[in-house]
């Protein structure tokens, strides 16, 4: 079996500091399903942020999304 082409982080030259790649970026695309997810971009220096939330709708109180059937 041949050796892997890259490490677990996907960089062919070895592992690098992920923060050094992100800190220069000025755009943030934030996806979440909870109002608390808006805080995930705190501490980043960005010019533009697009935040999109996903609503999990449950018709009957007391049921979970796993119990809800989709038509």
PDB file of N, CA and C in Angstrom:
ATOM      1  N   UNK A   1       0.842  -1.179   0.000  1.00  0.00           N
ATOM      2  CA  UNK A   1       0.000   0.000   0.000  1.00  0.00           C
ATOM      3  C   UNK A   1       0.886   1.240   0.000  1.00  0.00           C
ATOM      4  N   UNK A   2       0.576   2.189  -0.840  1.00  0.00           N
ATOM      5  CA  UNK A   2       1.360   3.423  -0.941  1.00  0.00           C
ATOM      6  C   UNK A   2       1.078   4.340   0.240  1.00  0.00           C
ATOM      7  N   UNK A   3       2.054   5.179   0.557  1.00  0.00           N
ATOM      8  CA  UNK A   3       1.889   6.161   1.632  1.00  0.00           C
ATOM      9  C   UNK A   3       0.896   7.234   1.201  1.00  0.00           C
ATOM     10  N   UNK A   4       0.199   7.868   2.154  1.00  0.00           N
ATOM     11  CA  UNK A   4      -0.756   8.925   1.799  1.00  0.00           C
ATOM     12  C   UNK A   4      -0.046  10.104   1.146  1.00  0.00           C
ATOM     13  N   UNK A   5      -0.744  10.769   0.238  1.00  0.00           N
ATOM     14  CA  UNK A   5      -0.175  11.912  -0.467  1.00  0.00           C
ATOM     15  C   UNK A   5      -0.080  13.125   0.447  1.00  0.00           C
ATOM     16  N   UNK A   6      -0.995  13.238   1.401  1.00  0.00           N
ATOM     17  CA  UNK A   6      -0.998  14.383   2.312  1.00  0.00           C
ATOM     18  C   UNK A   6      -1.337  13.925   3.719  1.00  0.00           C
ATOM     19  N   UNK A   7      -1.130  14.808   4.679  1.00  0.00           N
ATOM     20  CA  UNK A   7      -1.442  14.453   6.063  1.00  0.00           C
ATOM     21  C   UNK A   7      -2.933  14.631   6.330  1.00  0.00           C
ATOM     22  N   UNK A   8      -3.321  14.451   7.569  1.00  0.00           N
ATOM     23  CA  UNK A   8      -4.747  14.492   7.918  1.00  0.00           C
ATOM     24  C   UNK A   8      -5.356  15.875   7.746  1.00  0.00           C
ATOM     25  N   UNK A   9      -4.562  16.938   7.727  1.00  0.00           N
ATOM     26  CA  UNK A   9      -5.091  18.278   7.551  1.00  0.00           C
ATOM     27  C   UNK A   9      -5.218  18.671   6.080  1.00  0.00           C
ATOM     28  N   UNK A  10      -4.776  17.852   5.184  1.00  0.00           N
ATOM     29  CA  UNK A  10      -4.936  18.119   3.772  1.00  0.00           C
ATOM     30  C   UNK A  10      -3.842  18.956   3.145  1.00  0.00           C
ATOM     31  N   UNK A  11      -2.765  19.230   3.854  1.00  0.00           N
ATOM     32  CA  UNK A  11      -1.669  20.020   3.305  1.00  0.00           C
ATOM     33  C   UNK A  11      -0.568  19.086   2.816  1.00  0.00           C
ATOM     34  N   UNK A  12      -0.226  19.119   1.523  1.00  0.00           N
ATOM     35  CA  UNK A  12       0.787  18.199   1.004  1.00  0.00           C
ATOM     36  C   UNK A  12       2.190  18.461   1.548  1.00  0.00           C
ATOM     37  N   UNK A  13       2.430  19.635   2.140  1.00  0.00           N
ATOM     38  CA  UNK A  13       3.756  19.971   2.659  1.00  0.00           C
ATOM     39  C   UNK A  13       3.868  19.760   4.164  1.00  0.00           C
ATOM     40  N   UNK A  14       2.905  19.112   4.767  1.00  0.00           N
ATOM     41  CA  UNK A  14       2.928  18.897   6.206  1.00  0.00           C
ATOM     42  C   UNK A  14       1.918  19.786   6.907  1.00  0.00           C
ATOM     43  N   UNK A  15       1.776  19.609   8.205  1.00  0.00           N
ATOM     44  CA  UNK A  15       0.786  20.385   8.945  1.00  0.00           C
ATOM     45  C   UNK A  15       1.255  21.824   9.113  1.00  0.00           C
ATOM     46  N   UNK A  16       0.299  22.721   9.106  1.00  0.00           N
ATOM     47  CA  UNK A  16       0.569  24.142   9.294  1.00  0.00           C
ATOM     48  C   UNK A  16      -0.441  24.699  10.283  1.00  0.00           C
ATOM     49  N   UNK A  17      -0.199  25.889  10.756  1.00  0.00           N
ATOM     50  CA  UNK A  17      -1.096  26.544  11.693  1.00  0.00           C
ATOM     51  C   UNK A  17      -2.334  27.033  10.942  1.00  0.00           C
ATOM     52  N   UNK A  18      -3.501  26.476  11.277  1.00  0.00           N
ATOM     53  CA  UNK A  18      -4.736  26.860  10.597  1.00  0.00           C
ATOM     54  C   UNK A  18      -5.070  28.325  10.804  1.00  0.00           C
ATOM     55  N   UNK A  19      -4.784  28.863  11.981  1.00  0.00           N
ATOM     56  CA  UNK A  19      -5.112  30.256  12.267  1.00  0.00           C
ATOM     57  C   UNK A  19      -4.361  31.213  11.343  1.00  0.00           C
ATOM     58  N   UNK A  20      -3.149  30.888  10.980  1.00  0.00           N
ATOM     59  CA  UNK A  20      -2.378  31.765  10.099  1.00  0.00           C
ATOM     60  C   UNK A  20      -3.018  31.859   8.718  1.00  0.00           C
ATOM     61  N   UNK A  21      -3.728  30.812   8.297  1.00  0.00           N
ATOM     62  CA  UNK A  21      -4.432  30.854   7.018  1.00  0.00           C
ATOM     63  C   UNK A  21      -5.699  31.694   7.097  1.00  0.00           C
ATOM     64  N   UNK A  22      -6.369  31.644   8.227  1.00  0.00           N
ATOM     65  CA  UNK A  22      -7.667  32.295   8.368  1.00  0.00           C
ATOM     66  C   UNK A  22      -7.547  33.768   8.732  1.00  0.00           C
ATOM     67  N   UNK A  23      -6.544  34.155   9.480  1.00  0.00           N
ATOM     68  CA  UNK A  23      -6.491  35.519  10.007  1.00  0.00           C
ATOM     69  C   UNK A  23      -6.362  36.586   8.924  1.00  0.00           C
ATOM     70  N   UNK A  24      -5.917  36.242   7.723  1.00  0.00           N
ATOM     71  CA  UNK A  24      -5.780  37.220   6.644  1.00  0.00           C
ATOM     72  C   UNK A  24      -7.059  37.369   5.825  1.00  0.00           C
ATOM     73  N   UNK A  25      -8.014  36.502   6.013  1.00  0.00           N
ATOM     74  CA  UNK A  25      -9.251  36.549   5.238  1.00  0.00           C
ATOM     75  C   UNK A  25     -10.187  37.612   5.803  1.00  0.00           C
ATOM     76  N   UNK A  26     -10.934  38.258   4.923  1.00  0.00           N
ATOM     77  CA  UNK A  26     -11.804  39.348   5.361  1.00  0.00           C
ATOM     78  C   UNK A  26     -13.280  39.045   5.182  1.00  0.00           C
ATOM     79  N   UNK A  27     -13.633  37.871   4.696  1.00  0.00           N
ATOM     80  CA  UNK A  27     -15.029  37.489   4.507  1.00  0.00           C
ATOM     81  C   UNK A  27     -15.349  36.270   5.365  1.00  0.00           C
ATOM     82  N   UNK A  28     -16.558  36.267   5.943  1.00  0.00           N
ATOM     83  CA  UNK A  28     -16.995  35.154   6.772  1.00  0.00           C
ATOM     84  C   UNK A  28     -18.360  34.698   6.285  1.00  0.00           C
ATOM     85  N   UNK A  29     -18.510  33.406   6.060  1.00  0.00           N
ATOM     86  CA  UNK A  29     -19.795  32.785   5.767  1.00  0.00           C
ATOM     87  C   UNK A  29     -20.119  31.906   6.967  1.00  0.00           C
ATOM     88  N   UNK A  30     -21.123  32.323   7.730  1.00  0.00           N
ATOM     89  CA  UNK A  30     -21.452  31.667   8.990  1.00  0.00           C
ATOM     90  C   UNK A  30     -22.767  30.922   8.844  1.00  0.00           C
ATOM     91  N   UNK A  31     -22.746  29.608   9.061  1.00  0.00           N
ATOM     92  CA  UNK A  31     -23.932  28.760   8.965  1.00  0.00           C
ATOM     93  C   UNK A  31     -24.191  28.119  10.316  1.00  0.00           C
ATOM     94  N   UNK A  32     -25.445  28.163  10.752  1.00  0.00           N
ATOM     95  CA  UNK A  32     -25.758  27.552  12.035  1.00  0.00           C
ATOM     96  C   UNK A  32     -27.229  27.248  12.184  1.00  0.00           C
ATOM     97  N   UNK A  33     -27.550  26.467  13.201  1.00  0.00           N
ATOM     98  CA  UNK A  33     -28.945  26.121  13.466  1.00  0.00           C
ATOM     99  C   UNK A  33     -29.379  26.553  14.858  1.00  0.00           C
ATOM    100  N   UNK A  34     -28.608  27.432  15.488  1.00  0.00           N
ATOM    101  CA  UNK A  34     -28.926  27.908  16.830  1.00  0.00           C
ATOM    102  C   UNK A  34     -28.527  29.369  16.927  1.00  0.00           C
ATOM    103  N   UNK A  35     -29.278  30.147  17.687  1.00  0.00           N
ATOM    104  CA  UNK A  35     -28.981  31.579  17.822  1.00  0.00           C
ATOM    105  C   UNK A  35     -27.583  31.796  18.426  1.00  0.00           C
ATOM    106  N   UNK A  36     -27.113  30.856  19.220  1.00  0.00           N
ATOM    107  CA  UNK A  36     -25.783  30.956  19.814  1.00  0.00           C
ATOM    108  C   UNK A  36     -24.656  30.801  18.807  1.00  0.00           C
ATOM    109  N   UNK A  37     -24.963  30.275  17.626  1.00  0.00           N
ATOM    110  CA  UNK A  37     -23.941  30.095  16.599  1.00  0.00           C
ATOM    111  C   UNK A  37     -23.434  31.420  16.039  1.00  0.00           C
ATOM    112  N   UNK A  38     -24.190  32.497  16.245  1.00  0.00           N
ATOM    113  CA  UNK A  38     -23.744  33.805  15.761  1.00  0.00           C
ATOM    114  C   UNK A  38     -22.431  34.233  16.404  1.00  0.00           C
ATOM    115  N   UNK A  39     -22.131  33.725  17.568  1.00  0.00           N
ATOM    116  CA  UNK A  39     -20.899  34.069  18.267  1.00  0.00           C
ATOM    117  C   UNK A  39     -19.662  33.360  17.742  1.00  0.00           C
ATOM    118  N   UNK A  40     -19.831  32.458  16.783  1.00  0.00           N
ATOM    119  CA  UNK A  40     -18.675  31.720  16.268  1.00  0.00           C
ATOM    120  C   UNK A  40     -17.685  32.627  15.549  1.00  0.00           C
ATOM    121  N   UNK A  41     -18.137  33.770  15.061  1.00  0.00           N
ATOM    122  CA  UNK A  41     -17.225  34.664  14.347  1.00  0.00           C
ATOM    123  C   UNK A  41     -16.626  35.727  15.260  1.00  0.00           C
ATOM    124  N   UNK A  42     -16.948  35.688  16.549  1.00  0.00           N
ATOM    125  CA  UNK A  42     -16.350  36.630  17.498  1.00  0.00           C
ATOM    126  C   UNK A  42     -14.842  36.433  17.534  1.00  0.00           C
ATOM    127  N   UNK A  43     -14.116  37.517  17.533  1.00  0.00           N
ATOM    128  CA  UNK A  43     -12.667  37.448  17.585  1.00  0.00           C
ATOM    129  C   UNK A  43     -11.997  37.444  16.226  1.00  0.00           C
ATOM    130  N   UNK A  44     -12.777  37.312  15.160  1.00  0.00           N
ATOM    131  CA  UNK A  44     -12.211  37.377  13.816  1.00  0.00           C
ATOM    132  C   UNK A  44     -12.255  38.819  13.306  1.00  0.00           C
ATOM    133  N   UNK A  45     -11.259  39.198  12.585  1.00  0.00           N
ATOM    134  CA  UNK A  45     -11.217  40.525  11.980  1.00  0.00           C
ATOM    135  C   UNK A  45     -11.742  40.391  10.552  1.00  0.00           C
ATOM    136  N   UNK A  46     -13.006  40.770  10.334  1.00  0.00           N
ATOM    137  CA  UNK A  46     -13.620  40.598   9.020  1.00  0.00           C
ATOM    138  C   UNK A  46     -14.272  41.892   8.555  1.00  0.00           C
ATOM    139  N   UNK A  47     -14.385  42.031   7.246  1.00  0.00           N
ATOM    140  CA  UNK A  47     -15.073  43.169   6.657  1.00  0.00           C
ATOM    141  C   UNK A  47     -16.512  42.825   6.322  1.00  0.00           C
ATOM    142  N   UNK A  48     -16.755  41.607   5.877  1.00  0.00           N
ATOM    143  CA  UNK A  48     -18.086  41.171   5.460  1.00  0.00           C
ATOM    144  C   UNK A  48     -18.429  39.857   6.141  1.00  0.00           C
ATOM    145  N   UNK A  49     -19.681  39.774   6.627  1.00  0.00           N
ATOM    146  CA  UNK A  49     -20.148  38.521   7.218  1.00  0.00           C
ATOM    147  C   UNK A  49     -21.549  38.240   6.696  1.00  0.00           C
ATOM    148  N   UNK A  50     -21.743  37.041   6.194  1.00  0.00           N
ATOM    149  CA  UNK A  50     -23.070  36.561   5.820  1.00  0.00           C
ATOM    150  C   UNK A  50     -23.407  35.449   6.793  1.00  0.00           C
ATOM    151  N   UNK A  51     -24.508  35.636   7.513  1.00  0.00           N
ATOM    152  CA  UNK A  51     -24.938  34.636   8.485  1.00  0.00           C
ATOM    153  C   UNK A  51     -26.261  34.045   8.021  1.00  0.00           C
ATOM    154  N   UNK A  52     -26.323  32.727   7.942  1.00  0.00           N
ATOM    155  CA  UNK A  52     -27.551  32.036   7.553  1.00  0.00           C
ATOM    156  C   UNK A  52     -27.896  31.024   8.629  1.00  0.00           C
ATOM    157  N   UNK A  53     -29.146  31.058   9.053  1.00  0.00           N
ATOM    158  CA  UNK A  53     -29.619  30.132  10.071  1.00  0.00           C
ATOM    159  C   UNK A  53     -30.589  29.124   9.483  1.00  0.00           C
ATOM    160  N   UNK A  54     -30.566  27.941  10.021  1.00  0.00           N
ATOM    161  CA  UNK A  54     -31.470  26.881   9.593  1.00  0.00           C
ATOM    162  C   UNK A  54     -32.521  26.675  10.671  1.00  0.00           C
ATOM    163  N   UNK A  55     -33.782  26.724  10.277  1.00  0.00           N
ATOM    164  CA  UNK A  55     -34.880  26.543  11.202  1.00  0.00           C
ATOM    165  C   UNK A  55     -35.297  25.078  11.205  1.00  0.00           C
ATOM    166  N   UNK A  56     -35.266  24.491  12.386  1.00  0.00           N
ATOM    167  CA  UNK A  56     -35.761  23.128  12.541  1.00  0.00           C
ATOM    168  C   UNK A  56     -37.167  23.260  13.107  1.00  0.00           C
ATOM    169  N   UNK A  57     -38.156  23.016  12.266  1.00  0.00           N
ATOM    170  CA  UNK A  57     -39.552  23.183  12.645  1.00  0.00           C
ATOM    171  C   UNK A  57     -40.134  21.855  13.097  1.00  0.00           C
ATOM    172  N   UNK A  58     -40.692  21.866  14.299  1.00  0.00           N
ATOM    173  CA  UNK A  58     -41.363  20.690  14.822  1.00  0.00           C
ATOM    174  C   UNK A  58     -42.800  21.096  15.108  1.00  0.00           C
ATOM    175  N   UNK A  59     -43.744  20.439  14.447  1.00  0.00           N
ATOM    176  CA  UNK A  59     -45.150  20.829  14.547  1.00  0.00           C
ATOM    177  C   UNK A  59     -45.744  20.535  15.921  1.00  0.00           C
ATOM    178  N   UNK A  60     -45.486  19.367  16.454  1.00  0.00           N
ATOM    179  CA  UNK A  60     -46.056  18.972  17.743  1.00  0.00           C
ATOM    180  C   UNK A  60     -45.051  19.217  18.847  1.00  0.00           C
ATOM    181  N   UNK A  61     -45.475  19.942  19.873  1.00  0.00           N
ATOM    182  CA  UNK A  61     -44.596  20.198  21.010  1.00  0.00           C
ATOM    183  C   UNK A  61     -44.322  18.872  21.713  1.00  0.00           C
ATOM    184  N   UNK A  62     -43.083  18.647  22.059  1.00  0.00           N
ATOM    185  CA  UNK A  62     -42.719  17.415  22.741  1.00  0.00           C
ATOM    186  C   UNK A  62     -42.113  16.368  21.828  1.00  0.00           C
ATOM    187  N   UNK A  63     -42.137  16.616  20.519  1.00  0.00           N
ATOM    188  CA  UNK A  63     -41.505  15.674  19.604  1.00  0.00           C
ATOM    189  C   UNK A  63     -40.148  16.210  19.207  1.00  0.00           C
ATOM    190  N   UNK A  64     -39.312  15.342  18.744  1.00  0.00           N
ATOM    191  CA  UNK A  64     -37.992  15.736  18.272  1.00  0.00           C
ATOM    192  C   UNK A  64     -37.968  15.668  16.749  1.00  0.00           C
ATOM    193  N   UNK A  65     -37.030  16.337  16.093  1.00  0.00           N
ATOM    194  CA  UNK A  65     -36.950  16.254  14.625  1.00  0.00           C
ATOM    195  C   UNK A  65     -36.844  14.825  14.111  1.00  0.00           C
ATOM    196  N   UNK A  66     -36.264  13.919  14.886  1.00  0.00           N
ATOM    197  CA  UNK A  66     -36.145  12.526  14.450  1.00  0.00           C
ATOM    198  C   UNK A  66     -37.508  11.835  14.427  1.00  0.00           C
ATOM    199  N   UNK A  67     -38.439  12.319  15.270  1.00  0.00           N
ATOM    200  CA  UNK A  67     -39.775  11.736  15.326  1.00  0.00           C
ATOM    201  C   UNK A  67     -40.696  12.269  14.238  1.00  0.00           C
ATOM    202  N   UNK A  68     -40.315  13.350  13.578  1.00  0.00           N
ATOM    203  CA  UNK A  68     -41.162  14.005  12.600  1.00  0.00           C
ATOM    204  C   UNK A  68     -40.958  13.388  11.223  1.00  0.00           C
ATOM    205  N   UNK A  69     -42.039  13.004  10.583  1.00  0.00           N
ATOM    206  CA  UNK A  69     -41.956  12.437   9.238  1.00  0.00           C
ATOM    207  C   UNK A  69     -42.048  13.556   8.214  1.00  0.00           C
ATOM    208  N   UNK A  70     -41.265  13.453   7.152  1.00  0.00           N
ATOM    209  CA  UNK A  70     -41.278  14.427   6.076  1.00  0.00           C
ATOM    210  C   UNK A  70     -42.076  13.849   4.927  1.00  0.00           C
ATOM    211  N   UNK A  71     -43.073  14.607   4.458  1.00  0.00           N
ATOM    212  CA  UNK A  71     -43.915  14.149   3.341  1.00  0.00           C
ATOM    213  C   UNK A  71     -43.217  14.324   2.025  1.00  0.00           C
TER     214      UNK A  71
END
